[in-house]
Amino acid sequence: EYSKREEIEETKEETKEERPIALSIY
């Protein structure tokens, strides 16, 4: 369960495989 801050930080560090699920598979 992410906090809002963790979500923001993780978004900044997203790799290709860590994109939103539908986009990643697409």
mmCIF file of all heavy atoms, coordinates in Angstrom:
data_MODEL
# 
_entry.id   MODEL 
# 
loop_
_atom_site.group_PDB 
_atom_site.id 
_atom_site.type_symbol 
_atom_site.label_atom_id 
_atom_site.label_alt_id 
_atom_site.label_comp_id 
_atom_site.label_asym_id 
_atom_site.label_entity_id 
_atom_site.label_seq_id 
_atom_site.pdbx_PDB_ins_code 
_atom_site.Cartn_x 
_atom_site.Cartn_y 
_atom_site.Cartn_z 
_atom_site.occupancy 
_atom_site.B_iso_or_equiv 
_atom_site.pdbx_formal_charge 
_atom_site.auth_seq_id 
_atom_site.auth_comp_id 
_atom_site.auth_asym_id 
_atom_site.auth_atom_id 
_atom_site.pdbx_PDB_model_num 
ATOM 1   N N   . GLU A 1 1  ? 0.851  -1.186 0.000   1.00 0.00 ? 1  GLU A N   1 
ATOM 2   C CA  . GLU A 1 1  ? 0.000  0.000  0.000   1.00 0.00 ? 1  GLU A CA  1 
ATOM 3   C C   . GLU A 1 1  ? 0.887  1.236  0.000   1.00 0.00 ? 1  GLU A C   1 
ATOM 4   O O   . GLU A 1 1  ? 1.648  1.486  0.929   1.00 0.00 ? 1  GLU A O   1 
ATOM 5   C CB  . GLU A 1 1  ? -0.911 0.012  1.223   1.00 0.00 ? 1  GLU A CB  1 
ATOM 6   C CG  . GLU A 1 1  ? -1.914 1.150  1.208   1.00 0.00 ? 1  GLU A CG  1 
ATOM 7   C CD  . GLU A 1 1  ? -2.933 1.032  2.316   1.00 0.00 ? 1  GLU A CD  1 
ATOM 8   O OE1 . GLU A 1 1  ? -2.891 0.023  3.049   1.00 0.00 ? 1  GLU A OE1 1 
ATOM 9   O OE2 . GLU A 1 1  ? -3.754 1.952  2.458   1.00 0.00 ? 1  GLU A OE2 1 
ATOM 10  N N   . TYR A 1 2  ? 0.801  2.020  -1.065  1.00 0.00 ? 2  TYR A N   1 
ATOM 11  C CA  . TYR A 1 2  ? 1.651  3.189  -1.228  1.00 0.00 ? 2  TYR A CA  1 
ATOM 12  C C   . TYR A 1 2  ? 1.030  4.415  -0.584  1.00 0.00 ? 2  TYR A C   1 
ATOM 13  O O   . TYR A 1 2  ? -0.173 4.612  -0.633  1.00 0.00 ? 2  TYR A O   1 
ATOM 14  C CB  . TYR A 1 2  ? 1.856  3.503  -2.722  1.00 0.00 ? 2  TYR A CB  1 
ATOM 15  C CG  . TYR A 1 2  ? 2.623  2.451  -3.470  1.00 0.00 ? 2  TYR A CG  1 
ATOM 16  C CD1 . TYR A 1 2  ? 1.955  1.468  -4.199  1.00 0.00 ? 2  TYR A CD1 1 
ATOM 17  C CD2 . TYR A 1 2  ? 4.008  2.433  -3.467  1.00 0.00 ? 2  TYR A CD2 1 
ATOM 18  C CE1 . TYR A 1 2  ? 2.648  0.497  -4.903  1.00 0.00 ? 2  TYR A CE1 1 
ATOM 19  C CE2 . TYR A 1 2  ? 4.709  1.470  -4.172  1.00 0.00 ? 2  TYR A CE2 1 
ATOM 20  C CZ  . TYR A 1 2  ? 4.021  0.510  -4.887  1.00 0.00 ? 2  TYR A CZ  1 
ATOM 21  O OH  . TYR A 1 2  ? 4.712  -0.441 -5.577  1.00 0.00 ? 2  TYR A OH  1 
ATOM 22  N N   . SER A 1 3  ? 1.892  5.252  -0.030  1.00 0.00 ? 3  SER A N   1 
ATOM 23  C CA  . SER A 1 3  ? 1.443  6.591  0.362   1.00 0.00 ? 3  SER A CA  1 
ATOM 24  C C   . SER A 1 3  ? 1.527  7.466  -0.873  1.00 0.00 ? 3  SER A C   1 
ATOM 25  O O   . SER A 1 3  ? 2.128  7.094  -1.880  1.00 0.00 ? 3  SER A O   1 
ATOM 26  C CB  . SER A 1 3  ? 2.353  7.163  1.455   1.00 0.00 ? 3  SER A CB  1 
ATOM 27  O OG  . SER A 1 3  ? 3.652  7.418  0.922   1.00 0.00 ? 3  SER A OG  1 
ATOM 28  N N   . LYS A 1 4  ? 0.911  8.653  -0.822  1.00 0.00 ? 4  LYS A N   1 
ATOM 29  C CA  . LYS A 1 4  ? 0.954  9.558  -1.968  1.00 0.00 ? 4  LYS A CA  1 
ATOM 30  C C   . LYS A 1 4  ? 2.390  9.917  -2.316  1.00 0.00 ? 4  LYS A C   1 
ATOM 31  O O   . LYS A 1 4  ? 2.757  9.995  -3.484  1.00 0.00 ? 4  LYS A O   1 
ATOM 32  C CB  . LYS A 1 4  ? 0.168  10.834 -1.661  1.00 0.00 ? 4  LYS A CB  1 
ATOM 33  C CG  . LYS A 1 4  ? -1.335 10.635 -1.643  1.00 0.00 ? 4  LYS A CG  1 
ATOM 34  C CD  . LYS A 1 4  ? -1.838 10.198 -3.007  1.00 0.00 ? 4  LYS A CD  1 
ATOM 35  C CE  . LYS A 1 4  ? -3.337 10.032 -3.014  1.00 0.00 ? 4  LYS A CE  1 
ATOM 36  N NZ  . LYS A 1 4  ? -3.840 9.545  -4.304  1.00 0.00 ? 4  LYS A NZ  1 
ATOM 37  N N   . ARG A 1 5  ? 3.227  10.145 -1.292  1.00 0.00 ? 5  ARG A N   1 
ATOM 38  C CA  . ARG A 1 5  ? 4.622  10.509 -1.565  1.00 0.00 ? 5  ARG A CA  1 
ATOM 39  C C   . ARG A 1 5  ? 5.347  9.370  -2.253  1.00 0.00 ? 5  ARG A C   1 
ATOM 40  O O   . ARG A 1 5  ? 6.115  9.583  -3.189  1.00 0.00 ? 5  ARG A O   1 
ATOM 41  C CB  . ARG A 1 5  ? 5.329  10.880 -0.254  1.00 0.00 ? 5  ARG A CB  1 
ATOM 42  C CG  . ARG A 1 5  ? 6.801  11.277 -0.455  1.00 0.00 ? 5  ARG A CG  1 
ATOM 43  C CD  . ARG A 1 5  ? 7.420  11.724 0.847   1.00 0.00 ? 5  ARG A CD  1 
ATOM 44  N NE  . ARG A 1 5  ? 6.809  12.961 1.287   1.00 0.00 ? 5  ARG A NE  1 
ATOM 45  C CZ  . ARG A 1 5  ? 7.179  14.164 0.856   1.00 0.00 ? 5  ARG A CZ  1 
ATOM 46  N NH1 . ARG A 1 5  ? 8.143  14.281 -0.030  1.00 0.00 ? 5  ARG A NH1 1 
ATOM 47  N NH2 . ARG A 1 5  ? 6.587  15.245 1.307   1.00 0.00 ? 5  ARG A NH2 1 
ATOM 48  N N   . GLU A 1 6  ? 5.106  8.137  -1.774  1.00 0.00 ? 6  GLU A N   1 
ATOM 49  C CA  . GLU A 1 6  ? 5.759  6.979  -2.394  1.00 0.00 ? 6  GLU A CA  1 
ATOM 50  C C   . GLU A 1 6  ? 5.320  6.819  -3.837  1.00 0.00 ? 6  GLU A C   1 
ATOM 51  O O   . GLU A 1 6  ? 6.113  6.470  -4.707  1.00 0.00 ? 6  GLU A O   1 
ATOM 52  C CB  . GLU A 1 6  ? 5.421  5.711  -1.610  1.00 0.00 ? 6  GLU A CB  1 
ATOM 53  C CG  . GLU A 1 6  ? 6.136  5.615  -0.275  1.00 0.00 ? 6  GLU A CG  1 
ATOM 54  C CD  . GLU A 1 6  ? 5.668  4.421  0.534   1.00 0.00 ? 6  GLU A CD  1 
ATOM 55  O OE1 . GLU A 1 6  ? 4.467  4.086  0.449   1.00 0.00 ? 6  GLU A OE1 1 
ATOM 56  O OE2 . GLU A 1 6  ? 6.504  3.837  1.229   1.00 0.00 ? 6  GLU A OE2 1 
ATOM 57  N N   . GLU A 1 7  ? 4.030  7.087  -4.115  1.00 0.00 ? 7  GLU A N   1 
ATOM 58  C CA  . GLU A 1 7  ? 3.528  6.982  -5.478  1.00 0.00 ? 7  GLU A CA  1 
ATOM 59  C C   . GLU A 1 7  ? 4.245  7.965  -6.385  1.00 0.00 ? 7  GLU A C   1 
ATOM 60  O O   . GLU A 1 7  ? 4.622  7.652  -7.509  1.00 0.00 ? 7  GLU A O   1 
ATOM 61  C CB  . GLU A 1 7  ? 2.027  7.255  -5.505  1.00 0.00 ? 7  GLU A CB  1 
ATOM 62  C CG  . GLU A 1 7  ? 1.203  6.119  -4.936  1.00 0.00 ? 7  GLU A CG  1 
ATOM 63  C CD  . GLU A 1 7  ? -0.276 6.439  -4.942  1.00 0.00 ? 7  GLU A CD  1 
ATOM 64  O OE1 . GLU A 1 7  ? -0.626 7.543  -5.411  1.00 0.00 ? 7  GLU A OE1 1 
ATOM 65  O OE2 . GLU A 1 7  ? -1.059 5.611  -4.483  1.00 0.00 ? 7  GLU A OE2 1 
ATOM 66  N N   . ILE A 1 8  ? 4.422  9.191  -5.886  1.00 0.00 ? 8  ILE A N   1 
ATOM 67  C CA  . ILE A 1 8  ? 5.087  10.219 -6.683  1.00 0.00 ? 8  ILE A CA  1 
ATOM 68  C C   . ILE A 1 8  ? 6.531  9.834  -6.956  1.00 0.00 ? 8  ILE A C   1 
ATOM 69  O O   . ILE A 1 8  ? 7.029  9.922  -8.078  1.00 0.00 ? 8  ILE A O   1 
ATOM 70  C CB  . ILE A 1 8  ? 5.034  11.580 -5.957  1.00 0.00 ? 8  ILE A CB  1 
ATOM 71  C CG1 . ILE A 1 8  ? 3.583  12.073 -5.917  1.00 0.00 ? 8  ILE A CG1 1 
ATOM 72  C CG2 . ILE A 1 8  ? 5.922  12.605 -6.660  1.00 0.00 ? 8  ILE A CG2 1 
ATOM 73  C CD1 . ILE A 1 8  ? 3.371  13.290 -5.052  1.00 0.00 ? 8  ILE A CD1 1 
ATOM 74  N N   . GLU A 1 9  ? 7.224  9.368  -5.897  1.00 0.00 ? 9  GLU A N   1 
ATOM 75  C CA  . GLU A 1 9  ? 8.632  9.004  -6.061  1.00 0.00 ? 9  GLU A CA  1 
ATOM 76  C C   . GLU A 1 9  ? 8.770  7.822  -6.998  1.00 0.00 ? 9  GLU A C   1 
ATOM 77  O O   . GLU A 1 9  ? 9.668  7.773  -7.832  1.00 0.00 ? 9  GLU A O   1 
ATOM 78  C CB  . GLU A 1 9  ? 9.255  8.669  -4.694  1.00 0.00 ? 9  GLU A CB  1 
ATOM 79  C CG  . GLU A 1 9  ? 9.410  9.874  -3.783  1.00 0.00 ? 9  GLU A CG  1 
ATOM 80  C CD  . GLU A 1 9  ? 10.230 10.972 -4.430  1.00 0.00 ? 9  GLU A CD  1 
ATOM 81  O OE1 . GLU A 1 9  ? 11.269 10.663 -5.046  1.00 0.00 ? 9  GLU A OE1 1 
ATOM 82  O OE2 . GLU A 1 9  ? 9.823  12.143 -4.331  1.00 0.00 ? 9  GLU A OE2 1 
ATOM 83  N N   . GLU A 1 10 ? 7.872  6.835  -6.869  1.00 0.00 ? 10 GLU A N   1 
ATOM 84  C CA  . GLU A 1 10 ? 7.963  5.658  -7.734  1.00 0.00 ? 10 GLU A CA  1 
ATOM 85  C C   . GLU A 1 10 ? 7.670  6.025  -9.171  1.00 0.00 ? 10 GLU A C   1 
ATOM 86  O O   . GLU A 1 10 ? 8.272  5.495  -10.099 1.00 0.00 ? 10 GLU A O   1 
ATOM 87  C CB  . GLU A 1 10 ? 7.004  4.568  -7.259  1.00 0.00 ? 10 GLU A CB  1 
ATOM 88  C CG  . GLU A 1 10 ? 7.108  3.314  -8.095  1.00 0.00 ? 10 GLU A CG  1 
ATOM 89  C CD  . GLU A 1 10 ? 6.873  2.060  -7.294  1.00 0.00 ? 10 GLU A CD  1 
ATOM 90  O OE1 . GLU A 1 10 ? 7.414  1.947  -6.192  1.00 0.00 ? 10 GLU A OE1 1 
ATOM 91  O OE2 . GLU A 1 10 ? 6.147  1.201  -7.783  1.00 0.00 ? 10 GLU A OE2 1 
ATOM 92  N N   . THR A 1 11 ? 6.740  6.958  -9.381  1.00 0.00 ? 11 THR A N   1 
ATOM 93  C CA  . THR A 1 11 ? 6.429  7.403  -10.730 1.00 0.00 ? 11 THR A CA  1 
ATOM 94  C C   . THR A 1 11 ? 7.659  8.020  -11.381 1.00 0.00 ? 11 THR A C   1 
ATOM 95  O O   . THR A 1 11 ? 7.938  7.818  -12.555 1.00 0.00 ? 11 THR A O   1 
ATOM 96  C CB  . THR A 1 11 ? 5.290  8.432  -10.708 1.00 0.00 ? 11 THR A CB  1 
ATOM 97  O OG1 . THR A 1 11 ? 4.124  7.804  -10.184 1.00 0.00 ? 11 THR A OG1 1 
ATOM 98  C CG2 . THR A 1 11 ? 4.988  8.933  -12.120 1.00 0.00 ? 11 THR A CG2 1 
ATOM 99  N N   . LYS A 1 12 ? 8.428  8.787  -10.602 1.00 0.00 ? 12 LYS A N   1 
ATOM 100 C CA  . LYS A 1 12 ? 9.626  9.423  -11.130 1.00 0.00 ? 12 LYS A CA  1 
ATOM 101 C C   . LYS A 1 12 ? 10.657 8.394  -11.560 1.00 0.00 ? 12 LYS A C   1 
ATOM 102 O O   . LYS A 1 12 ? 11.453 8.634  -12.460 1.00 0.00 ? 12 LYS A O   1 
ATOM 103 C CB  . LYS A 1 12 ? 10.247 10.345 -10.066 1.00 0.00 ? 12 LYS A CB  1 
ATOM 104 C CG  . LYS A 1 12 ? 9.422  11.590 -9.778  1.00 0.00 ? 12 LYS A CG  1 
ATOM 105 C CD  . LYS A 1 12 ? 10.090 12.428 -8.709  1.00 0.00 ? 12 LYS A CD  1 
ATOM 106 C CE  . LYS A 1 12 ? 9.281  13.680 -8.397  1.00 0.00 ? 12 LYS A CE  1 
ATOM 107 N NZ  . LYS A 1 12 ? 9.894  14.480 -7.313  1.00 0.00 ? 12 LYS A NZ  1 
ATOM 108 N N   . GLU A 1 13 ? 10.662 7.239  -10.862 1.00 0.00 ? 13 GLU A N   1 
ATOM 109 C CA  . GLU A 1 13 ? 11.690 6.231  -11.111 1.00 0.00 ? 13 GLU A CA  1 
ATOM 110 C C   . GLU A 1 13 ? 11.175 5.081  -11.960 1.00 0.00 ? 13 GLU A C   1 
ATOM 111 O O   . GLU A 1 13 ? 11.792 4.026  -12.054 1.00 0.00 ? 13 GLU A O   1 
ATOM 112 C CB  . GLU A 1 13 ? 12.191 5.677  -9.770  1.00 0.00 ? 13 GLU A CB  1 
ATOM 113 C CG  . GLU A 1 13 ? 12.855 6.745  -8.905  1.00 0.00 ? 13 GLU A CG  1 
ATOM 114 C CD  . GLU A 1 13 ? 13.179 6.216  -7.521  1.00 0.00 ? 13 GLU A CD  1 
ATOM 115 O OE1 . GLU A 1 13 ? 12.913 5.026  -7.267  1.00 0.00 ? 13 GLU A OE1 1 
ATOM 116 O OE2 . GLU A 1 13 ? 13.705 6.990  -6.717  1.00 0.00 ? 13 GLU A OE2 1 
ATOM 117 N N   . GLU A 1 14 ? 10.017 5.274  -12.591 1.00 0.00 ? 14 GLU A N   1 
ATOM 118 C CA  . GLU A 1 14 ? 9.418  4.191  -13.379 1.00 0.00 ? 14 GLU A CA  1 
ATOM 119 C C   . GLU A 1 14 ? 10.355 3.732  -14.487 1.00 0.00 ? 14 GLU A C   1 
ATOM 120 O O   . GLU A 1 14 ? 10.942 4.532  -15.187 1.00 0.00 ? 14 GLU A O   1 
ATOM 121 C CB  . GLU A 1 14 ? 8.103  4.647  -14.022 1.00 0.00 ? 14 GLU A CB  1 
ATOM 122 C CG  . GLU A 1 14 ? 6.929  4.549  -13.077 1.00 0.00 ? 14 GLU A CG  1 
ATOM 123 C CD  . GLU A 1 14 ? 5.648  4.977  -13.763 1.00 0.00 ? 14 GLU A CD  1 
ATOM 124 O OE1 . GLU A 1 14 ? 5.743  5.625  -14.828 1.00 0.00 ? 14 GLU A OE1 1 
ATOM 125 O OE2 . GLU A 1 14 ? 4.573  4.674  -13.232 1.00 0.00 ? 14 GLU A OE2 1 
ATOM 126 N N   . THR A 1 15 ? 10.458 2.429  -14.640 1.00 0.00 ? 15 THR A N   1 
ATOM 127 C CA  . THR A 1 15 ? 11.149 1.864  -15.792 1.00 0.00 ? 15 THR A CA  1 
ATOM 128 C C   . THR A 1 15 ? 10.085 1.435  -16.774 1.00 0.00 ? 15 THR A C   1 
ATOM 129 O O   . THR A 1 15 ? 8.890  1.538  -16.511 1.00 0.00 ? 15 THR A O   1 
ATOM 130 C CB  . THR A 1 15 ? 11.975 0.632  -15.376 1.00 0.00 ? 15 THR A CB  1 
ATOM 131 O OG1 . THR A 1 15 ? 11.069 -0.368 -14.912 1.00 0.00 ? 15 THR A OG1 1 
ATOM 132 C CG2 . THR A 1 15 ? 12.966 0.965  -14.289 1.00 0.00 ? 15 THR A CG2 1 
ATOM 133 N N   . LYS A 1 16 ? 10.520 0.913  -17.891 1.00 0.00 ? 16 LYS A N   1 
ATOM 134 C CA  . LYS A 1 16 ? 9.561  0.485  -18.901 1.00 0.00 ? 16 LYS A CA  1 
ATOM 135 C C   . LYS A 1 16 ? 8.610  -0.573 -18.346 1.00 0.00 ? 16 LYS A C   1 
ATOM 136 O O   . LYS A 1 16 ? 7.424  -0.580 -18.632 1.00 0.00 ? 16 LYS A O   1 
ATOM 137 C CB  . LYS A 1 16 ? 10.331 -0.084 -20.092 1.00 0.00 ? 16 LYS A CB  1 
ATOM 138 C CG  . LYS A 1 16 ? 9.479  -0.494 -21.256 1.00 0.00 ? 16 LYS A CG  1 
ATOM 139 C CD  . LYS A 1 16 ? 10.378 -0.960 -22.368 1.00 0.00 ? 16 LYS A CD  1 
ATOM 140 C CE  . LYS A 1 16 ? 9.581  -1.438 -23.544 1.00 0.00 ? 16 LYS A CE  1 
ATOM 141 N NZ  . LYS A 1 16 ? 10.431 -1.929 -24.618 1.00 0.00 ? 16 LYS A NZ  1 
ATOM 142 N N   . GLU A 1 17 ? 9.159  -1.501 -17.504 1.00 0.00 ? 17 GLU A N   1 
ATOM 143 C CA  . GLU A 1 17 ? 8.333  -2.579 -16.974 1.00 0.00 ? 17 GLU A CA  1 
ATOM 144 C C   . GLU A 1 17 ? 7.436  -2.116 -15.836 1.00 0.00 ? 17 GLU A C   1 
ATOM 145 O O   . GLU A 1 17 ? 6.533  -2.820 -15.428 1.00 0.00 ? 17 GLU A O   1 
ATOM 146 C CB  . GLU A 1 17 ? 9.220  -3.723 -16.473 1.00 0.00 ? 17 GLU A CB  1 
ATOM 147 C CG  . GLU A 1 17 ? 9.912  -4.503 -17.572 1.00 0.00 ? 17 GLU A CG  1 
ATOM 148 C CD  . GLU A 1 17 ? 11.043 -3.723 -18.233 1.00 0.00 ? 17 GLU A CD  1 
ATOM 149 O OE1 . GLU A 1 17 ? 11.641 -2.872 -17.551 1.00 0.00 ? 17 GLU A OE1 1 
ATOM 150 O OE2 . GLU A 1 17 ? 11.303 -3.946 -19.419 1.00 0.00 ? 17 GLU A OE2 1 
ATOM 151 N N   . GLU A 1 18 ? 7.675  -0.923 -15.288 1.00 0.00 ? 18 GLU A N   1 
ATOM 152 C CA  . GLU A 1 18 ? 6.924  -0.452 -14.130 1.00 0.00 ? 18 GLU A CA  1 
ATOM 153 C C   . GLU A 1 18 ? 5.847  0.547  -14.502 1.00 0.00 ? 18 GLU A C   1 
ATOM 154 O O   . GLU A 1 18 ? 5.263  1.190  -13.650 1.00 0.00 ? 18 GLU A O   1 
ATOM 155 C CB  . GLU A 1 18 ? 7.877  0.188  -13.110 1.00 0.00 ? 18 GLU A CB  1 
ATOM 156 C CG  . GLU A 1 18 ? 8.817  -0.829 -12.479 1.00 0.00 ? 18 GLU A CG  1 
ATOM 157 C CD  . GLU A 1 18 ? 9.912  -0.177 -11.674 1.00 0.00 ? 18 GLU A CD  1 
ATOM 158 O OE1 . GLU A 1 18 ? 10.291 0.966  -12.011 1.00 0.00 ? 18 GLU A OE1 1 
ATOM 159 O OE2 . GLU A 1 18 ? 10.375 -0.791 -10.716 1.00 0.00 ? 18 GLU A OE2 1 
ATOM 160 N N   . ARG A 1 19 ? 5.564  0.708  -15.791 1.00 0.00 ? 19 ARG A N   1 
ATOM 161 C CA  . ARG A 1 19 ? 4.488  1.586  -16.214 1.00 0.00 ? 19 ARG A CA  1 
ATOM 162 C C   . ARG A 1 19 ? 3.157  0.995  -15.792 1.00 0.00 ? 19 ARG A C   1 
ATOM 163 O O   . ARG A 1 19 ? 3.080  -0.186 -15.472 1.00 0.00 ? 19 ARG A O   1 
ATOM 164 C CB  . ARG A 1 19 ? 4.515  1.754  -17.734 1.00 0.00 ? 19 ARG A CB  1 
ATOM 165 C CG  . ARG A 1 19 ? 5.698  2.554  -18.224 1.00 0.00 ? 19 ARG A CG  1 
ATOM 166 C CD  . ARG A 1 19 ? 5.677  2.598  -19.731 1.00 0.00 ? 19 ARG A CD  1 
ATOM 167 N NE  . ARG A 1 19 ? 6.799  3.365  -20.219 1.00 0.00 ? 19 ARG A NE  1 
ATOM 168 C CZ  . ARG A 1 19 ? 7.532  3.028  -21.258 1.00 0.00 ? 19 ARG A CZ  1 
ATOM 169 N NH1 . ARG A 1 19 ? 7.258  1.931  -21.913 1.00 0.00 ? 19 ARG A NH1 1 
ATOM 170 N NH2 . ARG A 1 19 ? 8.533  3.779  -21.641 1.00 0.00 ? 19 ARG A NH2 1 
ATOM 171 N N   . PRO A 1 20 ? 2.077  1.792  -15.860 1.00 0.00 ? 20 PRO A N   1 
ATOM 172 C CA  . PRO A 1 20 ? 0.756  1.231  -15.587 1.00 0.00 ? 20 PRO A CA  1 
ATOM 173 C C   . PRO A 1 20 ? 0.539  -0.024 -16.406 1.00 0.00 ? 20 PRO A C   1 
ATOM 174 O O   . PRO A 1 20 ? 0.944  -0.104 -17.561 1.00 0.00 ? 20 PRO A O   1 
ATOM 175 C CB  . PRO A 1 20 ? -0.189 2.363  -16.009 1.00 0.00 ? 20 PRO A CB  1 
ATOM 176 C CG  . PRO A 1 20 ? 0.616  3.600  -15.767 1.00 0.00 ? 20 PRO A CG  1 
ATOM 177 C CD  . PRO A 1 20 ? 2.025  3.232  -16.132 1.00 0.00 ? 20 PRO A CD  1 
ATOM 178 N N   . ILE A 1 21 ? -0.134 -0.979 -15.822 1.00 0.00 ? 21 ILE A N   1 
ATOM 179 C CA  . ILE A 1 21 ? -0.175 -2.326 -16.387 1.00 0.00 ? 21 ILE A CA  1 
ATOM 180 C C   . ILE A 1 21 ? -0.626 -2.395 -17.836 1.00 0.00 ? 21 ILE A C   1 
ATOM 181 O O   . ILE A 1 21 ? 0.024  -3.036 -18.664 1.00 0.00 ? 21 ILE A O   1 
ATOM 182 C CB  . ILE A 1 21 ? -1.058 -3.230 -15.501 1.00 0.00 ? 21 ILE A CB  1 
ATOM 183 C CG1 . ILE A 1 21 ? -1.063 -4.641 -16.059 1.00 0.00 ? 21 ILE A CG1 1 
ATOM 184 C CG2 . ILE A 1 21 ? -2.457 -2.676 -15.340 1.00 0.00 ? 21 ILE A CG2 1 
ATOM 185 C CD1 . ILE A 1 21 ? -1.670 -5.635 -15.105 1.00 0.00 ? 21 ILE A CD1 1 
ATOM 186 N N   . ALA A 1 22 ? -1.708 -1.745 -18.189 1.00 0.00 ? 22 ALA A N   1 
ATOM 187 C CA  . ALA A 1 22 ? -2.203 -1.838 -19.567 1.00 0.00 ? 22 ALA A CA  1 
ATOM 188 C C   . ALA A 1 22 ? -1.196 -1.253 -20.541 1.00 0.00 ? 22 ALA A C   1 
ATOM 189 O O   . ALA A 1 22 ? -0.951 -1.814 -21.604 1.00 0.00 ? 22 ALA A O   1 
ATOM 190 C CB  . ALA A 1 22 ? -3.535 -1.119 -19.697 1.00 0.00 ? 22 ALA A CB  1 
ATOM 191 N N   . LEU A 1 23 ? -0.591 -0.122 -20.170 1.00 0.00 ? 23 LEU A N   1 
ATOM 192 C CA  . LEU A 1 23 ? 0.397  0.516  -21.036 1.00 0.00 ? 23 LEU A CA  1 
ATOM 193 C C   . LEU A 1 23 ? 1.632  -0.357 -21.172 1.00 0.00 ? 23 LEU A C   1 
ATOM 194 O O   . LEU A 1 23 ? 2.192  -0.498 -22.259 1.00 0.00 ? 23 LEU A O   1 
ATOM 195 C CB  . LEU A 1 23 ? 0.775  1.887  -20.480 1.00 0.00 ? 23 LEU A CB  1 
ATOM 196 C CG  . LEU A 1 23 ? 1.842  2.654  -21.269 1.00 0.00 ? 23 LEU A CG  1 
ATOM 197 C CD1 . LEU A 1 23 ? 1.345  2.969  -22.669 1.00 0.00 ? 23 LEU A CD1 1 
ATOM 198 C CD2 . LEU A 1 23 ? 2.241  3.927  -20.548 1.00 0.00 ? 23 LEU A CD2 1 
ATOM 199 N N   . SER A 1 24 ? 2.077  -0.955 -20.067 1.00 0.00 ? 24 SER A N   1 
ATOM 200 C CA  . SER A 1 24 ? 3.263  -1.805 -20.093 1.00 0.00 ? 24 SER A CA  1 
ATOM 201 C C   . SER A 1 24 ? 3.101  -2.967 -21.069 1.00 0.00 ? 24 SER A C   1 
ATOM 202 O O   . SER A 1 24 ? 3.972  -3.246 -21.889 1.00 0.00 ? 24 SER A O   1 
ATOM 203 C CB  . SER A 1 24 ? 3.544  -2.342 -18.681 1.00 0.00 ? 24 SER A CB  1 
ATOM 204 O OG  . SER A 1 24 ? 4.623  -3.236 -18.698 1.00 0.00 ? 24 SER A OG  1 
ATOM 205 N N   . ILE A 1 25 ? 1.953  -3.633 -20.994 1.00 0.00 ? 25 ILE A N   1 
ATOM 206 C CA  . ILE A 1 25 ? 1.710  -4.776 -21.875 1.00 0.00 ? 25 ILE A CA  1 
ATOM 207 C C   . ILE A 1 25 ? 1.524  -4.309 -23.313 1.00 0.00 ? 25 ILE A C   1 
ATOM 208 O O   . ILE A 1 25 ? 1.993  -4.938 -24.261 1.00 0.00 ? 25 ILE A O   1 
ATOM 209 C CB  . ILE A 1 25 ? 0.488  -5.567 -21.382 1.00 0.00 ? 25 ILE A CB  1 
ATOM 210 C CG1 . ILE A 1 25 ? 0.800  -6.157 -20.003 1.00 0.00 ? 25 ILE A CG1 1 
ATOM 211 C CG2 . ILE A 1 25 ? 0.112  -6.678 -22.352 1.00 0.00 ? 25 ILE A CG2 1 
ATOM 212 C CD1 . ILE A 1 25 ? -0.368 -6.859 -19.347 1.00 0.00 ? 25 ILE A CD1 1 
ATOM 213 N N   . TYR A 1 26 ? 0.861  -3.182 -23.482 1.00 0.00 ? 26 TYR A N   1 
ATOM 214 C CA  . TYR A 1 26 ? 0.652  -2.613 -24.819 1.00 0.00 ? 26 TYR A CA  1 
ATOM 215 C C   . TYR A 1 26 ? 2.002  -2.331 -25.487 1.00 0.00 ? 26 TYR A C   1 
ATOM 216 O O   . TYR A 1 26 ? 2.220  -2.669 -26.646 1.00 0.00 ? 26 TYR A O   1 
ATOM 217 C CB  . TYR A 1 26 ? -0.155 -1.324 -24.675 1.00 0.00 ? 26 TYR A CB  1 
ATOM 218 C CG  . TYR A 1 26 ? -0.481 -0.622 -25.971 1.00 0.00 ? 26 TYR A CG  1 
ATOM 219 C CD1 . TYR A 1 26 ? -1.430 -1.120 -26.850 1.00 0.00 ? 26 TYR A CD1 1 
ATOM 220 C CD2 . TYR A 1 26 ? 0.147  0.585  -26.301 1.00 0.00 ? 26 TYR A CD2 1 
ATOM 221 C CE1 . TYR A 1 26 ? -1.748 -0.455 -28.029 1.00 0.00 ? 26 TYR A CE1 1 
ATOM 222 C CE2 . TYR A 1 26 ? -0.157 1.248  -27.470 1.00 0.00 ? 26 TYR A CE2 1 
ATOM 223 C CZ  . TYR A 1 26 ? -1.104 0.725  -28.332 1.00 0.00 ? 26 TYR A CZ  1 
ATOM 224 O OH  . TYR A 1 26 ? -1.404 1.387  -29.495 1.00 0.00 ? 26 TYR A OH  1 
# 
